[in-house]
Amino acid sequence: MNSSLWQQLLVLFGGNAMLLAALGFLFKSLLSQMLAKDIEKFKSELKAGADVELERRKHTSQIAALEHQVRFSKLHEKRALVVADLYERFVAAYWAAYTYHQWLVPGGGPSEEDQASQALQKLHEAYKFFETNRIFLSPTLTSALDTFFERAKTLTFKAQYFASIPNKTEETAKLHHEARREGLDAFQKEFPAMRQRLDTEFRKLIETTATEVHPN
């Protein structure tokens, strides 16, 4: 800036003090405008970054929800398969033991001793499968199955024991008859409810899985 321009400014603003004050005011105004622009830019960038982060989290949450739904659906499918296999083994054990407790020894068929052995084997196979897969079943169902298997095996062992006694006395013959009668009553009146419960559990799981795969 040449000397004549400075002189004109000094005259205009009344000396050095006024000039410095004016320049200070202009500097502050310019700085305020620059800061305002920077703040607006920062706010805009901050909002854009927040929107991106929000969308990222939303997308991540959706993926997590989908993965959870898939895992949950697979779990239901696995549980349904376990109940179906358990039901098959349960029915096989049920009929093997029921036939033994009915005292049916058809001509040319398995002996009473063979029927008892087969019943206990089927009960053991069903229980082993249940014990291996109990983690997939509800606590109330596992409790009911524990009760069934314990009672079914006990009744069958009891009847087999008295049946194996040679030269029965009147007392042991009576105990044998009572053991067979107790077992028969259980398989006729008490245990069918357990079979129905497994059937209901399987159908409930199938309906739940179908609803998840094909929601309304």
N, C-alpha and C. Protein backbone atom coordinates (compact mmCIF):
# COMPACT_ATOMS: atom_id res chain seq x y z
N MET A 1 0.87 -1.18 0.00
CA MET A 1 0.00 0.00 0.00
C MET A 1 0.91 1.23 0.00
N ASN A 2 0.72 2.21 -0.96
CA ASN A 2 1.60 3.37 -1.05
C ASN A 2 1.25 4.40 0.01
N SER A 3 2.15 5.36 0.19
CA SER A 3 2.01 6.35 1.27
C SER A 3 0.77 7.22 1.10
N SER A 4 0.41 7.53 -0.15
CA SER A 4 -0.76 8.39 -0.37
C SER A 4 -2.03 7.69 0.07
N LEU A 5 -2.11 6.36 -0.14
CA LEU A 5 -3.30 5.62 0.29
C LEU A 5 -3.38 5.59 1.80
N TRP A 6 -2.25 5.39 2.46
CA TRP A 6 -2.22 5.40 3.93
C TRP A 6 -2.68 6.75 4.46
N GLN A 7 -2.20 7.81 3.80
CA GLN A 7 -2.60 9.16 4.23
C GLN A 7 -4.09 9.35 4.10
N GLN A 8 -4.64 8.86 2.99
CA GLN A 8 -6.08 8.99 2.79
C GLN A 8 -6.86 8.23 3.86
N LEU A 9 -6.34 7.03 4.21
CA LEU A 9 -7.02 6.23 5.24
C LEU A 9 -6.93 6.91 6.60
N LEU A 10 -5.74 7.51 6.86
CA LEU A 10 -5.57 8.20 8.13
C LEU A 10 -6.52 9.38 8.24
N VAL A 11 -6.65 10.09 7.14
CA VAL A 11 -7.56 11.22 7.12
C VAL A 11 -9.00 10.73 7.32
N LEU A 12 -9.30 9.63 6.61
CA LEU A 12 -10.67 9.09 6.66
C LEU A 12 -11.04 8.62 8.06
N PHE A 13 -10.12 7.93 8.72
CA PHE A 13 -10.42 7.33 10.02
C PHE A 13 -9.89 8.14 11.19
N GLY A 14 -9.26 9.26 10.93
CA GLY A 14 -8.86 10.16 12.02
C GLY A 14 -7.62 9.74 12.74
N GLY A 15 -6.67 9.15 12.10
CA GLY A 15 -5.40 8.84 12.73
C GLY A 15 -5.17 7.35 12.90
N ASN A 16 -4.02 7.05 13.49
CA ASN A 16 -3.62 5.64 13.63
C ASN A 16 -4.57 4.84 14.49
N ALA A 17 -5.03 5.39 15.58
CA ALA A 17 -5.91 4.67 16.51
C ALA A 17 -7.19 4.25 15.82
N MET A 18 -7.75 5.18 15.10
CA MET A 18 -9.00 4.86 14.41
C MET A 18 -8.76 3.84 13.31
N LEU A 19 -7.63 3.95 12.65
CA LEU A 19 -7.32 3.00 11.58
C LEU A 19 -7.16 1.59 12.15
N LEU A 20 -6.43 1.50 13.26
CA LEU A 20 -6.24 0.18 13.86
C LEU A 20 -7.56 -0.42 14.33
N ALA A 21 -8.40 0.43 14.88
CA ALA A 21 -9.72 -0.04 15.34
C ALA A 21 -10.55 -0.55 14.17
N ALA A 22 -10.49 0.18 13.07
CA ALA A 22 -11.25 -0.22 11.89
C ALA A 22 -10.72 -1.53 11.32
N LEU A 23 -9.38 -1.60 11.26
CA LEU A 23 -8.79 -2.84 10.75
C LEU A 23 -9.11 -4.02 11.66
N GLY A 24 -9.10 -3.76 12.98
CA GLY A 24 -9.45 -4.82 13.92
C GLY A 24 -10.88 -5.28 13.73
N PHE A 25 -11.77 -4.33 13.50
CA PHE A 25 -13.18 -4.68 13.29
C PHE A 25 -13.34 -5.51 12.02
N LEU A 26 -12.64 -5.05 10.95
CA LEU A 26 -12.73 -5.79 9.69
C LEU A 26 -12.16 -7.20 9.84
N PHE A 27 -11.06 -7.30 10.59
CA PHE A 27 -10.43 -8.62 10.80
C PHE A 27 -11.36 -9.55 11.57
N LYS A 28 -12.00 -9.00 12.63
CA LYS A 28 -12.93 -9.80 13.42
C LYS A 28 -14.13 -10.25 12.59
N SER A 29 -14.63 -9.34 11.77
CA SER A 29 -15.77 -9.70 10.92
C SER A 29 -15.40 -10.81 9.95
N LEU A 30 -14.20 -10.64 9.35
CA LEU A 30 -13.74 -11.65 8.40
C LEU A 30 -13.53 -12.99 9.10
N LEU A 31 -12.92 -12.94 10.28
CA LEU A 31 -12.67 -14.16 11.05
C LEU A 31 -13.98 -14.84 11.46
N SER A 32 -14.95 -14.02 11.88
CA SER A 32 -16.25 -14.58 12.27
C SER A 32 -16.93 -15.27 11.10
N GLN A 33 -16.83 -14.64 9.91
CA GLN A 33 -17.43 -15.26 8.73
C GLN A 33 -16.75 -16.58 8.39
N MET A 34 -15.41 -16.56 8.51
CA MET A 34 -14.66 -17.78 8.21
C MET A 34 -15.00 -18.89 9.22
N LEU A 35 -15.08 -18.52 10.49
CA LEU A 35 -15.42 -19.50 11.52
C LEU A 35 -16.83 -20.04 11.31
N ALA A 36 -17.75 -19.14 10.95
CA ALA A 36 -19.13 -19.57 10.73
C ALA A 36 -19.20 -20.59 9.59
N LYS A 37 -18.43 -20.31 8.53
CA LYS A 37 -18.41 -21.24 7.40
C LYS A 37 -17.79 -22.58 7.81
N ASP A 38 -16.70 -22.50 8.58
CA ASP A 38 -16.05 -23.74 9.04
C ASP A 38 -16.97 -24.55 9.95
N ILE A 39 -17.70 -23.83 10.82
CA ILE A 39 -18.62 -24.52 11.74
C ILE A 39 -19.73 -25.21 10.96
N GLU A 40 -20.30 -24.50 9.99
CA GLU A 40 -21.35 -25.09 9.17
C GLU A 40 -20.84 -26.30 8.40
N LYS A 41 -19.60 -26.17 7.87
CA LYS A 41 -19.01 -27.28 7.16
C LYS A 41 -18.77 -28.46 8.08
N PHE A 42 -18.29 -28.15 9.31
CA PHE A 42 -18.04 -29.21 10.28
C PHE A 42 -19.35 -29.90 10.68
N LYS A 43 -20.39 -29.08 10.90
CA LYS A 43 -21.69 -29.64 11.27
C LYS A 43 -22.24 -30.52 10.15
N SER A 44 -22.06 -30.05 8.91
CA SER A 44 -22.53 -30.83 7.76
C SER A 44 -21.77 -32.16 7.64
N GLU A 45 -20.45 -32.09 7.82
CA GLU A 45 -19.65 -33.31 7.75
C GLU A 45 -19.98 -34.25 8.90
N LEU A 46 -20.20 -33.66 10.08
CA LEU A 46 -20.53 -34.47 11.26
C LEU A 46 -21.86 -35.19 11.06
N LYS A 47 -22.84 -34.45 10.52
CA LYS A 47 -24.15 -35.06 10.27
C LYS A 47 -24.06 -36.15 9.22
N ALA A 48 -23.27 -35.89 8.16
CA ALA A 48 -23.09 -36.90 7.11
C ALA A 48 -22.43 -38.15 7.69
N GLY A 49 -21.42 -37.94 8.53
CA GLY A 49 -20.75 -39.08 9.16
C GLY A 49 -21.68 -39.84 10.09
N ALA A 50 -22.52 -39.09 10.84
CA ALA A 50 -23.47 -39.74 11.75
C ALA A 50 -24.50 -40.55 10.97
N ASP A 51 -24.95 -39.99 9.83
CA ASP A 51 -25.93 -40.71 9.00
C ASP A 51 -25.32 -42.01 8.45
N VAL A 52 -24.06 -41.91 8.01
CA VAL A 52 -23.39 -43.10 7.49
C VAL A 52 -23.25 -44.16 8.59
N GLU A 53 -22.85 -43.72 9.79
CA GLU A 53 -22.68 -44.64 10.92
C GLU A 53 -24.01 -45.26 11.32
N LEU A 54 -25.08 -44.43 11.30
CA LEU A 54 -26.41 -44.93 11.64
C LEU A 54 -26.86 -45.99 10.65
N GLU A 55 -26.63 -45.74 9.36
CA GLU A 55 -26.99 -46.73 8.35
C GLU A 55 -26.16 -48.01 8.49
N ARG A 56 -24.87 -47.83 8.83
CA ARG A 56 -24.01 -48.99 9.02
C ARG A 56 -24.50 -49.84 10.19
N ARG A 57 -24.84 -49.18 11.29
CA ARG A 57 -25.33 -49.92 12.45
C ARG A 57 -26.68 -50.56 12.16
N LYS A 58 -27.51 -49.84 11.44
CA LYS A 58 -28.82 -50.40 11.07
C LYS A 58 -28.65 -51.64 10.21
N HIS A 59 -27.73 -51.54 9.25
CA HIS A 59 -27.46 -52.68 8.36
C HIS A 59 -26.89 -53.85 9.16
N THR A 60 -25.95 -53.54 10.08
CA THR A 60 -25.36 -54.59 10.92
C THR A 60 -26.41 -55.24 11.79
N SER A 61 -27.32 -54.42 12.34
CA SER A 61 -28.39 -54.94 13.18
C SER A 61 -29.33 -55.85 12.39
N GLN A 62 -29.62 -55.46 11.14
CA GLN A 62 -30.48 -56.28 10.29
C GLN A 62 -29.82 -57.62 9.97
N ILE A 63 -28.52 -57.57 9.70
CA ILE A 63 -27.79 -58.81 9.41
C ILE A 63 -27.79 -59.72 10.64
N ALA A 64 -27.55 -59.12 11.83
CA ALA A 64 -27.55 -59.90 13.07
C ALA A 64 -28.91 -60.52 13.32
N ALA A 65 -29.97 -59.74 13.06
CA ALA A 65 -31.33 -60.25 13.26
C ALA A 65 -31.62 -61.40 12.30
N LEU A 66 -31.16 -61.26 11.06
CA LEU A 66 -31.36 -62.31 10.07
C LEU A 66 -30.59 -63.57 10.46
N GLU A 67 -29.35 -63.39 10.92
CA GLU A 67 -28.56 -64.55 11.34
C GLU A 67 -29.21 -65.24 12.54
N HIS A 68 -29.75 -64.43 13.46
CA HIS A 68 -30.44 -65.01 14.62
C HIS A 68 -31.67 -65.79 14.18
N GLN A 69 -32.42 -65.22 13.24
CA GLN A 69 -33.62 -65.90 12.74
C GLN A 69 -33.27 -67.22 12.07
N VAL A 70 -32.19 -67.21 11.29
CA VAL A 70 -31.77 -68.44 10.61
C VAL A 70 -31.34 -69.49 11.62
N ARG A 71 -30.53 -69.07 12.62
CA ARG A 71 -30.10 -70.02 13.65
C ARG A 71 -31.28 -70.55 14.44
N PHE A 72 -32.23 -69.67 14.75
CA PHE A 72 -33.41 -70.08 15.50
C PHE A 72 -34.25 -71.05 14.69
N SER A 73 -34.37 -70.78 13.39
CA SER A 73 -35.12 -71.68 12.51
C SER A 73 -34.44 -73.03 12.41
N LYS A 74 -33.11 -73.03 12.30
CA LYS A 74 -32.36 -74.29 12.24
C LYS A 74 -32.52 -75.07 13.54
N LEU A 75 -32.55 -74.35 14.66
CA LEU A 75 -32.72 -75.01 15.96
C LEU A 75 -34.09 -75.69 16.04
N HIS A 76 -35.12 -74.99 15.57
CA HIS A 76 -36.46 -75.58 15.55
C HIS A 76 -36.49 -76.82 14.65
N GLU A 77 -35.80 -76.71 13.52
CA GLU A 77 -35.76 -77.84 12.59
C GLU A 77 -35.07 -79.04 13.24
N LYS A 78 -33.95 -78.76 13.92
CA LYS A 78 -33.23 -79.82 14.62
C LYS A 78 -34.09 -80.44 15.71
N ARG A 79 -34.77 -79.61 16.48
CA ARG A 79 -35.62 -80.12 17.55
C ARG A 79 -36.74 -80.99 16.98
N ALA A 80 -37.30 -80.57 15.86
CA ALA A 80 -38.37 -81.35 15.24
C ALA A 80 -37.86 -82.72 14.80
N LEU A 81 -36.64 -82.75 14.24
CA LEU A 81 -36.05 -84.02 13.82
C LEU A 81 -35.78 -84.93 15.03
N VAL A 82 -35.30 -84.32 16.13
CA VAL A 82 -35.03 -85.10 17.34
C VAL A 82 -36.32 -85.70 17.88
N VAL A 83 -37.37 -84.90 17.96
CA VAL A 83 -38.65 -85.39 18.49
C VAL A 83 -39.22 -86.48 17.58
N ALA A 84 -39.08 -86.31 16.25
CA ALA A 84 -39.57 -87.32 15.32
C ALA A 84 -38.84 -88.65 15.50
N ASP A 85 -37.51 -88.59 15.62
CA ASP A 85 -36.72 -89.81 15.83
C ASP A 85 -37.02 -90.44 17.19
N LEU A 86 -37.18 -89.58 18.19
CA LEU A 86 -37.49 -90.08 19.53
C LEU A 86 -38.86 -90.75 19.55
N TYR A 87 -39.80 -90.14 18.85
CA TYR A 87 -41.15 -90.72 18.79
C TYR A 87 -41.11 -92.12 18.17
N GLU A 88 -40.33 -92.27 17.11
CA GLU A 88 -40.22 -93.57 16.45
C GLU A 88 -39.65 -94.62 17.40
N ARG A 89 -38.61 -94.25 18.13
CA ARG A 89 -38.01 -95.18 19.08
C ARG A 89 -38.93 -95.44 20.27
N PHE A 90 -39.62 -94.41 20.68
CA PHE A 90 -40.56 -94.54 21.80
C PHE A 90 -41.66 -95.55 21.46
N VAL A 91 -42.24 -95.40 20.27
CA VAL A 91 -43.32 -96.30 19.86
C VAL A 91 -42.82 -97.74 19.76
N ALA A 92 -41.63 -97.94 19.21
CA ALA A 92 -41.08 -99.29 19.11
C ALA A 92 -40.89 -99.91 20.49
N ALA A 93 -40.37 -99.11 21.44
CA ALA A 93 -40.17 -99.61 22.81
C ALA A 93 -41.50 -99.85 23.50
N TYR A 94 -42.43 -98.94 23.27
CA TYR A 94 -43.74 -99.04 23.89
C TYR A 94 -44.44 -100.35 23.50
N TRP A 95 -44.46 -100.65 22.20
CA TRP A 95 -45.17 -101.83 21.74
C TRP A 95 -44.45 -103.12 22.12
N ALA A 96 -43.12 -103.06 22.13
CA ALA A 96 -42.37 -104.26 22.54
C ALA A 96 -42.67 -104.60 24.00
N ALA A 97 -42.68 -103.56 24.86
CA ALA A 97 -42.96 -103.80 26.28
C ALA A 97 -44.43 -104.11 26.51
N TYR A 98 -45.30 -103.44 25.79
CA TYR A 98 -46.74 -103.68 25.93
C TYR A 98 -47.08 -105.12 25.55
N THR A 99 -46.49 -105.58 24.46
CA THR A 99 -46.73 -106.97 24.04
C THR A 99 -46.27 -107.95 25.10
N TYR A 100 -45.12 -107.67 25.70
CA TYR A 100 -44.62 -108.57 26.76
C TYR A 100 -45.57 -108.58 27.95
N HIS A 101 -46.04 -107.44 28.38
CA HIS A 101 -46.91 -107.36 29.55
C HIS A 101 -48.32 -107.90 29.26
N GLN A 102 -48.66 -108.09 28.00
CA GLN A 102 -49.96 -108.68 27.65
C GLN A 102 -49.95 -110.20 27.80
N TRP A 103 -48.78 -110.79 28.02
CA TRP A 103 -48.63 -112.25 28.16
C TRP A 103 -48.97 -112.96 26.86
N LEU A 104 -48.67 -112.33 25.75
CA LEU A 104 -48.96 -112.95 24.46
C LEU A 104 -47.72 -113.70 23.98
N VAL A 105 -47.84 -115.02 23.89
CA VAL A 105 -46.75 -115.85 23.38
C VAL A 105 -47.32 -116.68 22.24
N PRO A 106 -47.37 -116.11 21.03
CA PRO A 106 -47.97 -116.83 19.89
C PRO A 106 -47.16 -118.06 19.52
N GLY A 107 -47.85 -119.04 18.97
CA GLY A 107 -47.16 -120.26 18.54
C GLY A 107 -46.12 -119.97 17.49
N GLY A 108 -44.93 -120.47 17.69
CA GLY A 108 -43.84 -120.24 16.74
C GLY A 108 -43.19 -118.88 16.88
N GLY A 109 -43.73 -118.05 17.79
CA GLY A 109 -43.17 -116.72 17.98
C GLY A 109 -42.13 -116.71 19.09
N PRO A 110 -41.65 -115.51 19.45
CA PRO A 110 -40.64 -115.42 20.51
C PRO A 110 -41.20 -115.86 21.86
N SER A 111 -40.35 -116.43 22.66
CA SER A 111 -40.77 -116.89 23.99
C SER A 111 -40.99 -115.69 24.90
N GLU A 112 -41.54 -115.97 26.08
CA GLU A 112 -41.76 -114.90 27.06
C GLU A 112 -40.43 -114.25 27.44
N GLU A 113 -39.41 -115.07 27.60
CA GLU A 113 -38.08 -114.54 27.95
C GLU A 113 -37.52 -113.67 26.84
N ASP A 114 -37.70 -114.11 25.60
CA ASP A 114 -37.23 -113.32 24.46
C ASP A 114 -38.00 -112.00 24.35
N GLN A 115 -39.29 -112.05 24.62
CA GLN A 115 -40.10 -110.83 24.58
C GLN A 115 -39.62 -109.83 25.62
N ALA A 116 -39.30 -110.33 26.82
CA ALA A 116 -38.80 -109.45 27.88
C ALA A 116 -37.47 -108.82 27.47
N SER A 117 -36.58 -109.62 26.91
CA SER A 117 -35.28 -109.12 26.48
C SER A 117 -35.42 -108.08 25.38
N GLN A 118 -36.32 -108.35 24.43
CA GLN A 118 -36.54 -107.40 23.34
C GLN A 118 -37.14 -106.10 23.87
N ALA A 119 -38.08 -106.20 24.81
CA ALA A 119 -38.71 -105.01 25.38
C ALA A 119 -37.66 -104.15 26.09
N LEU A 120 -36.82 -104.78 26.89
CA LEU A 120 -35.80 -104.03 27.61
C LEU A 120 -34.77 -103.43 26.66
N GLN A 121 -34.45 -104.14 25.59
CA GLN A 121 -33.51 -103.62 24.61
C GLN A 121 -34.07 -102.38 23.91
N LYS A 122 -35.35 -102.45 23.51
CA LYS A 122 -35.98 -101.32 22.84
C LYS A 122 -36.11 -100.12 23.79
N LEU A 123 -36.42 -100.40 25.04
CA LEU A 123 -36.50 -99.31 26.02
C LEU A 123 -35.13 -98.66 26.22
N HIS A 124 -34.10 -99.49 26.25
CA HIS A 124 -32.74 -98.97 26.42
C HIS A 124 -32.32 -98.12 25.21
N GLU A 125 -32.63 -98.59 24.00
CA GLU A 125 -32.27 -97.85 22.79
C GLU A 125 -32.98 -96.49 22.76
N ALA A 126 -34.26 -96.50 23.10
CA ALA A 126 -35.02 -95.25 23.10
C ALA A 126 -34.49 -94.30 24.16
N TYR A 127 -34.19 -94.85 25.34
CA TYR A 127 -33.69 -93.99 26.42
C TYR A 127 -32.31 -93.42 26.08
N LYS A 128 -31.46 -94.22 25.47
CA LYS A 128 -30.12 -93.75 25.10
C LYS A 128 -30.22 -92.59 24.11
N PHE A 129 -31.11 -92.71 23.14
CA PHE A 129 -31.30 -91.62 22.17
C PHE A 129 -31.83 -90.38 22.89
N PHE A 130 -32.79 -90.58 23.77
CA PHE A 130 -33.35 -89.47 24.53
C PHE A 130 -32.28 -88.78 25.38
N GLU A 131 -31.47 -89.58 26.07
CA GLU A 131 -30.42 -89.03 26.93
C GLU A 131 -29.40 -88.23 26.12
N THR A 132 -29.08 -88.69 24.92
CA THR A 132 -28.11 -88.00 24.06
C THR A 132 -28.65 -86.68 23.54
N ASN A 133 -29.97 -86.59 23.36
CA ASN A 133 -30.56 -85.42 22.72
C ASN A 133 -31.48 -84.62 23.64
N ARG A 134 -31.38 -84.86 24.93
CA ARG A 134 -32.29 -84.17 25.83
C ARG A 134 -32.10 -82.65 25.81
N ILE A 135 -30.93 -82.18 25.40
CA ILE A 135 -30.67 -80.74 25.35
C ILE A 135 -31.61 -80.02 24.39
N PHE A 136 -32.16 -80.74 23.41
CA PHE A 136 -33.06 -80.13 22.44
C PHE A 136 -34.52 -80.13 22.91
N LEU A 137 -34.80 -80.71 24.05
CA LEU A 137 -36.16 -80.84 24.54
C LEU A 137 -36.41 -79.91 25.71
N SER A 138 -37.66 -79.56 25.91
CA SER A 138 -38.01 -78.67 27.02
C SER A 138 -37.85 -79.39 28.35
N PRO A 139 -37.60 -78.65 29.43
CA PRO A 139 -37.44 -79.27 30.75
C PRO A 139 -38.65 -80.09 31.19
N THR A 140 -39.85 -79.62 30.90
CA THR A 140 -41.04 -80.36 31.30
C THR A 140 -41.16 -81.68 30.54
N LEU A 141 -40.78 -81.65 29.24
CA LEU A 141 -40.85 -82.87 28.45
C LEU A 141 -39.78 -83.86 28.90
N THR A 142 -38.57 -83.39 29.16
CA THR A 142 -37.51 -84.29 29.61
C THR A 142 -37.86 -84.92 30.96
N SER A 143 -38.49 -84.14 31.83
CA SER A 143 -38.89 -84.67 33.14
C SER A 143 -39.92 -85.78 32.98
N ALA A 144 -40.89 -85.55 32.09
CA ALA A 144 -41.92 -86.56 31.85
C ALA A 144 -41.32 -87.83 31.23
N LEU A 145 -40.38 -87.66 30.31
CA LEU A 145 -39.74 -88.81 29.68
C LEU A 145 -38.86 -89.58 30.66
N ASP A 146 -38.18 -88.85 31.53
CA ASP A 146 -37.39 -89.52 32.58
C ASP A 146 -38.29 -90.42 33.43
N THR A 147 -39.44 -89.89 33.79
CA THR A 147 -40.39 -90.66 34.60
C THR A 147 -40.89 -91.89 33.85
N PHE A 148 -41.20 -91.69 32.56
CA PHE A 148 -41.71 -92.82 31.77
C PHE A 148 -40.67 -93.93 31.67
N PHE A 149 -39.45 -93.59 31.25
CA PHE A 149 -38.43 -94.62 31.03
C PHE A 149 -38.07 -95.34 32.34
N GLU A 150 -37.98 -94.60 33.42
CA GLU A 150 -37.66 -95.23 34.69
C GLU A 150 -38.76 -96.22 35.11
N ARG A 151 -39.99 -95.77 34.97
CA ARG A 151 -41.11 -96.64 35.37
C ARG A 151 -41.28 -97.81 34.42
N ALA A 152 -41.18 -97.58 33.12
CA ALA A 152 -41.36 -98.66 32.14
C ALA A 152 -40.29 -99.74 32.32
N LYS A 153 -39.04 -99.32 32.52
CA LYS A 153 -37.97 -100.31 32.70
C LYS A 153 -38.12 -101.06 34.03
N THR A 154 -38.53 -100.33 35.07
CA THR A 154 -38.71 -100.96 36.38
C THR A 154 -39.81 -102.02 36.33
N LEU A 155 -40.93 -101.68 35.72
CA LEU A 155 -42.04 -102.63 35.61
C LEU A 155 -41.65 -103.86 34.79
N THR A 156 -40.91 -103.64 33.71
CA THR A 156 -40.51 -104.75 32.86
C THR A 156 -39.46 -105.63 33.56
N PHE A 157 -38.49 -105.01 34.22
CA PHE A 157 -37.51 -105.78 35.00
C PHE A 157 -38.21 -106.61 36.08
N LYS A 158 -39.18 -106.00 36.72
CA LYS A 158 -39.88 -106.66 37.82
C LYS A 158 -40.63 -107.89 37.31
N ALA A 159 -41.35 -107.73 36.21
CA ALA A 159 -42.10 -108.85 35.63
C ALA A 159 -41.14 -109.94 35.14
N GLN A 160 -40.03 -109.51 34.53
CA GLN A 160 -39.05 -110.48 34.04
C GLN A 160 -38.43 -111.27 35.20
N TYR A 161 -38.17 -110.59 36.29
CA TYR A 161 -37.56 -111.25 37.44
C TYR A 161 -38.45 -112.37 37.98
N PHE A 162 -39.72 -112.06 38.20
CA PHE A 162 -40.62 -113.08 38.74
C PHE A 162 -40.89 -114.19 37.72
N ALA A 163 -40.88 -113.84 36.42
CA ALA A 163 -41.08 -114.84 35.38
C ALA A 163 -39.92 -115.83 35.33
N SER A 164 -38.73 -115.36 35.70
CA SER A 164 -37.54 -116.21 35.61
C SER A 164 -37.39 -117.16 36.81
N ILE A 165 -38.21 -117.00 37.82
CA ILE A 165 -38.10 -117.87 39.00
C ILE A 165 -38.66 -119.25 38.66
N PRO A 166 -37.85 -120.29 38.76
CA PRO A 166 -38.36 -121.65 38.46
C PRO A 166 -39.14 -122.19 39.66
N ASN A 167 -40.05 -123.11 39.36
CA ASN A 167 -40.81 -123.77 40.43
C ASN A 167 -41.40 -122.76 41.41
N LYS A 168 -42.20 -121.88 40.88
CA LYS A 168 -42.76 -120.80 41.70
C LYS A 168 -43.64 -121.36 42.81
N THR A 169 -43.54 -120.72 43.95
CA THR A 169 -44.47 -121.03 45.03
C THR A 169 -45.76 -120.25 44.78
N GLU A 170 -46.72 -120.49 45.57
CA GLU A 170 -47.99 -119.76 45.42
C GLU A 170 -47.77 -118.26 45.58
N GLU A 171 -46.86 -117.91 46.52
CA GLU A 171 -46.58 -116.50 46.77
C GLU A 171 -45.86 -115.85 45.60
N THR A 172 -44.82 -116.51 45.08
CA THR A 172 -44.07 -115.93 43.97
C THR A 172 -44.93 -115.90 42.69
N ALA A 173 -45.80 -116.87 42.52
CA ALA A 173 -46.71 -116.86 41.37
C ALA A 173 -47.67 -115.68 41.46
N LYS A 174 -48.11 -115.39 42.69
CA LYS A 174 -49.00 -114.25 42.90
C LYS A 174 -48.27 -112.94 42.60
N LEU A 175 -47.02 -112.84 43.07
CA LEU A 175 -46.22 -111.63 42.82
C LEU A 175 -45.94 -111.47 41.32
N HIS A 176 -45.72 -112.60 40.65
CA HIS A 176 -45.50 -112.55 39.20
C HIS A 176 -46.75 -112.02 38.49
N HIS A 177 -47.88 -112.52 38.89
CA HIS A 177 -49.15 -112.09 38.29
C HIS A 177 -49.37 -110.60 38.56
N GLU A 178 -49.12 -110.17 39.77
CA GLU A 178 -49.32 -108.77 40.12
C GLU A 178 -48.36 -107.86 39.34
N ALA A 179 -47.13 -108.32 39.15
CA ALA A 179 -46.16 -107.53 38.40
C ALA A 179 -46.59 -107.38 36.94
N ARG A 180 -47.08 -108.46 36.36
CA ARG A 180 -47.53 -108.39 34.97
C ARG A 180 -48.78 -107.52 34.85
N ARG A 181 -49.66 -107.62 35.80
CA ARG A 181 -50.89 -106.82 35.79
C ARG A 181 -50.57 -105.33 35.95
N GLU A 182 -49.64 -105.01 36.85
CA GLU A 182 -49.23 -103.62 37.05
C GLU A 182 -48.63 -103.05 35.78
N GLY A 183 -47.78 -103.83 35.12
CA GLY A 183 -47.17 -103.37 33.88
C GLY A 183 -48.20 -103.18 32.78
N LEU A 184 -49.14 -104.12 32.67
CA LEU A 184 -50.17 -104.03 31.64
C LEU A 184 -51.04 -102.80 31.85
N ASP A 185 -51.42 -102.53 33.09
CA ASP A 185 -52.24 -101.36 33.39
C ASP A 185 -51.51 -100.06 33.01
N ALA A 186 -50.21 -100.03 33.30
CA ALA A 186 -49.43 -98.83 32.98
C ALA A 186 -49.37 -98.59 31.48
N PHE A 187 -49.14 -99.66 30.71
CA PHE A 187 -49.04 -99.51 29.26
C PHE A 187 -50.40 -99.27 28.61
N GLN A 188 -51.46 -99.68 29.25
CA GLN A 188 -52.79 -99.46 28.69
C GLN A 188 -53.36 -98.09 29.08
N LYS A 189 -53.14 -97.66 30.31
CA LYS A 189 -53.82 -96.48 30.82
C LYS A 189 -52.91 -95.28 31.08
N GLU A 190 -51.69 -95.55 31.47
CA GLU A 190 -50.80 -94.46 31.91
C GLU A 190 -49.88 -93.96 30.80
N PHE A 191 -49.25 -94.84 30.08
CA PHE A 191 -48.20 -94.45 29.13
C PHE A 191 -48.70 -93.88 27.80
N PRO A 192 -49.92 -94.19 27.33
CA PRO A 192 -50.36 -93.58 26.07
C PRO A 192 -50.32 -92.05 26.09
N ALA A 193 -50.51 -91.45 27.26
CA ALA A 193 -50.46 -89.99 27.35
C ALA A 193 -49.07 -89.46 26.98
N MET A 194 -48.04 -90.24 27.30
CA MET A 194 -46.68 -89.83 26.95
C MET A 194 -46.48 -89.86 25.44
N ARG A 195 -47.04 -90.84 24.80
CA ARG A 195 -46.95 -90.92 23.33
C ARG A 195 -47.68 -89.73 22.70
N GLN A 196 -48.84 -89.39 23.23
CA GLN A 196 -49.60 -88.25 22.72
C GLN A 196 -48.85 -86.94 22.94
N ARG A 197 -48.16 -86.86 24.04
CA ARG A 197 -47.39 -85.65 24.33
C ARG A 197 -46.27 -85.45 23.32
N LEU A 198 -45.58 -86.51 22.96
CA LEU A 198 -44.54 -86.42 21.94
C LEU A 198 -45.13 -86.03 20.59
N ASP A 199 -46.27 -86.58 20.27
CA ASP A 199 -46.95 -86.26 19.02
C ASP A 199 -47.30 -84.77 18.97
N THR A 200 -47.84 -84.26 20.08
CA THR A 200 -48.21 -82.84 20.16
C THR A 200 -46.98 -81.94 20.06
N GLU A 201 -45.90 -82.33 20.73
CA GLU A 201 -44.66 -81.55 20.69
C GLU A 201 -44.12 -81.47 19.27
N PHE A 202 -44.15 -82.57 18.54
CA PHE A 202 -43.64 -82.60 17.17
C PHE A 202 -44.47 -81.68 16.27
N ARG A 203 -45.79 -81.77 16.38
CA ARG A 203 -46.66 -80.96 15.53
C ARG A 203 -46.50 -79.47 15.84
N LYS A 204 -46.30 -79.14 17.10
CA LYS A 204 -46.10 -77.75 17.48
C LYS A 204 -44.81 -77.20 16.87
N LEU A 205 -43.76 -78.00 16.90
CA LEU A 205 -42.48 -77.58 16.32
C LEU A 205 -42.59 -77.42 14.81
N ILE A 206 -43.30 -78.32 14.17
CA ILE A 206 -43.49 -78.24 12.71
C ILE A 206 -44.25 -76.97 12.35
N GLU A 207 -45.29 -76.65 13.10
CA GLU A 207 -46.07 -75.44 12.83
C GLU A 207 -45.24 -74.19 13.04
N THR A 208 -44.41 -74.18 14.09
CA THR A 208 -43.56 -73.02 14.36
C THR A 208 -42.54 -72.83 13.26
N THR A 209 -41.92 -73.90 12.80
CA THR A 209 -40.93 -73.83 11.73
C THR A 209 -41.57 -73.36 10.44
N ALA A 210 -42.77 -73.86 10.13
CA ALA A 210 -43.46 -73.47 8.91
C ALA A 210 -43.83 -71.99 8.94
N THR A 211 -44.20 -71.48 10.11
CA THR A 211 -44.55 -70.07 10.25
C THR A 211 -43.34 -69.19 10.04
N GLU A 212 -42.16 -69.61 10.51
CA GLU A 212 -40.95 -68.82 10.34
C GLU A 212 -40.48 -68.82 8.89
N VAL A 213 -40.65 -69.93 8.20
CA VAL A 213 -40.22 -70.01 6.81
C VAL A 213 -41.19 -69.28 5.89
N HIS A 214 -42.49 -69.38 6.18
CA HIS A 214 -43.52 -68.74 5.35
C HIS A 214 -44.41 -67.88 6.24
N PRO A 215 -43.89 -66.74 6.76
CA PRO A 215 -44.70 -65.89 7.64
C PRO A 215 -45.86 -65.28 6.87
N ASN A 216 -46.93 -64.93 7.60
CA ASN A 216 -48.10 -64.31 6.95
C ASN A 216 -47.77 -62.89 6.50
